[in-house]
Amino acid sequence: MYGTLVTLLVIDALFMIVLVLLQSGKSAGLSGAISGGAEQLFGKQKARGVDAFLHRATIITGVLFFIFTFALGYLVQG
């Protein structure tokens, strides 16, 4: 049981890292000012569905991370 929880925790952590890195930034600062015109020209609306999916998936993996961590802590303590 311990090995299974550790494996699930590591897989979940790696998946969460990938999801966070795939998300787009908020376009703040100088880079946002430069790319802002390009986003209006080519349309940022198409990526909203992908961004929403990545956001929801990140929340789910975060919740799973806490559940696995608490279960592992309970298992090790008891």
Protein backbone atom coordinates (compact mmCIF):
# COMPACT_ATOMS: atom_id res chain seq x y z
CA MET A 1 0.00 0.00 0.00
CA TYR A 2 2.85 2.36 0.87
CA GLY A 3 4.60 1.82 -2.46
CA THR A 4 1.37 2.35 -4.39
CA LEU A 5 0.67 5.66 -2.64
CA VAL A 6 4.21 6.91 -3.17
CA THR A 7 4.04 5.98 -6.86
CA LEU A 8 0.67 7.71 -7.28
CA LEU A 9 1.99 10.78 -5.45
CA VAL A 10 5.05 11.05 -7.68
CA ILE A 11 3.00 10.57 -10.87
CA ASP A 12 0.48 13.17 -9.70
CA ALA A 13 3.23 15.65 -8.83
CA LEU A 14 4.90 15.25 -12.23
CA PHE A 15 1.57 15.61 -14.02
CA MET A 16 0.79 18.76 -12.02
CA ILE A 17 4.17 20.26 -12.91
CA VAL A 18 3.52 19.63 -16.61
CA LEU A 19 0.04 21.18 -16.38
CA VAL A 20 1.36 24.32 -14.69
CA LEU A 21 4.09 24.72 -17.28
CA LEU A 22 1.61 24.34 -20.14
CA GLN A 23 -0.60 27.17 -18.91
CA SER A 24 -0.25 30.54 -20.56
CA GLY A 25 0.83 33.60 -18.62
CA LYS A 26 -1.31 36.62 -17.83
CA SER A 27 0.54 38.82 -20.37
CA ALA A 28 1.73 41.36 -17.85
CA GLY A 29 4.51 43.84 -18.38
CA LEU A 30 6.42 44.64 -21.54
CA SER A 31 5.97 41.22 -23.11
CA GLY A 32 2.20 41.59 -22.77
CA ALA A 33 2.30 45.00 -24.40
CA ILE A 34 4.28 43.65 -27.35
CA SER A 35 2.24 40.49 -27.86
CA GLY A 36 -1.11 42.12 -27.04
CA GLY A 37 -1.61 43.31 -30.61
CA ALA A 38 -0.78 39.89 -31.98
CA GLU A 39 -3.31 38.27 -29.66
CA GLN A 40 -6.02 40.64 -30.89
CA LEU A 41 -5.07 40.08 -34.51
CA PHE A 42 -4.93 36.29 -34.39
CA GLY A 43 -7.51 35.82 -31.67
CA LYS A 44 -6.91 34.64 -28.14
CA GLN A 45 -10.44 33.21 -27.85
CA LYS A 46 -9.49 29.85 -29.34
CA ALA A 47 -7.05 29.12 -26.53
CA ARG A 48 -9.59 29.84 -23.81
CA GLY A 49 -11.01 26.33 -23.95
CA VAL A 50 -7.55 24.85 -23.58
CA ASP A 51 -6.68 27.25 -20.75
CA ALA A 52 -9.91 26.39 -18.94
CA PHE A 53 -9.18 22.67 -19.28
CA LEU A 54 -5.63 23.11 -18.01
CA HIS A 55 -6.90 25.19 -15.07
CA ARG A 56 -9.47 22.55 -14.07
CA ALA A 57 -6.98 19.72 -14.50
CA THR A 58 -4.46 21.58 -12.31
CA ILE A 59 -7.07 21.98 -9.56
CA ILE A 60 -7.94 18.28 -9.74
CA THR A 61 -4.29 17.20 -9.58
CA GLY A 62 -3.72 19.59 -6.66
CA VAL A 63 -6.61 18.08 -4.72
CA LEU A 64 -5.36 14.57 -5.50
CA PHE A 65 -1.88 15.60 -4.34
CA PHE A 66 -3.24 16.63 -0.94
CA ILE A 67 -5.37 13.48 -0.65
CA PHE A 68 -2.41 11.23 -1.47
CA THR A 69 -0.16 13.16 0.91
CA PHE A 70 -2.61 12.93 3.81
CA ALA A 71 -3.25 9.23 3.13
CA LEU A 72 0.47 8.56 3.04
CA GLY A 73 0.99 10.48 6.29
CA TYR A 74 -1.83 8.54 7.95
CA LEU A 75 -0.44 5.25 6.70
CA VAL A 76 3.09 5.99 7.92
CA GLN A 77 1.90 7.22 11.31
CA GLY A 78 -0.47 4.32 11.98
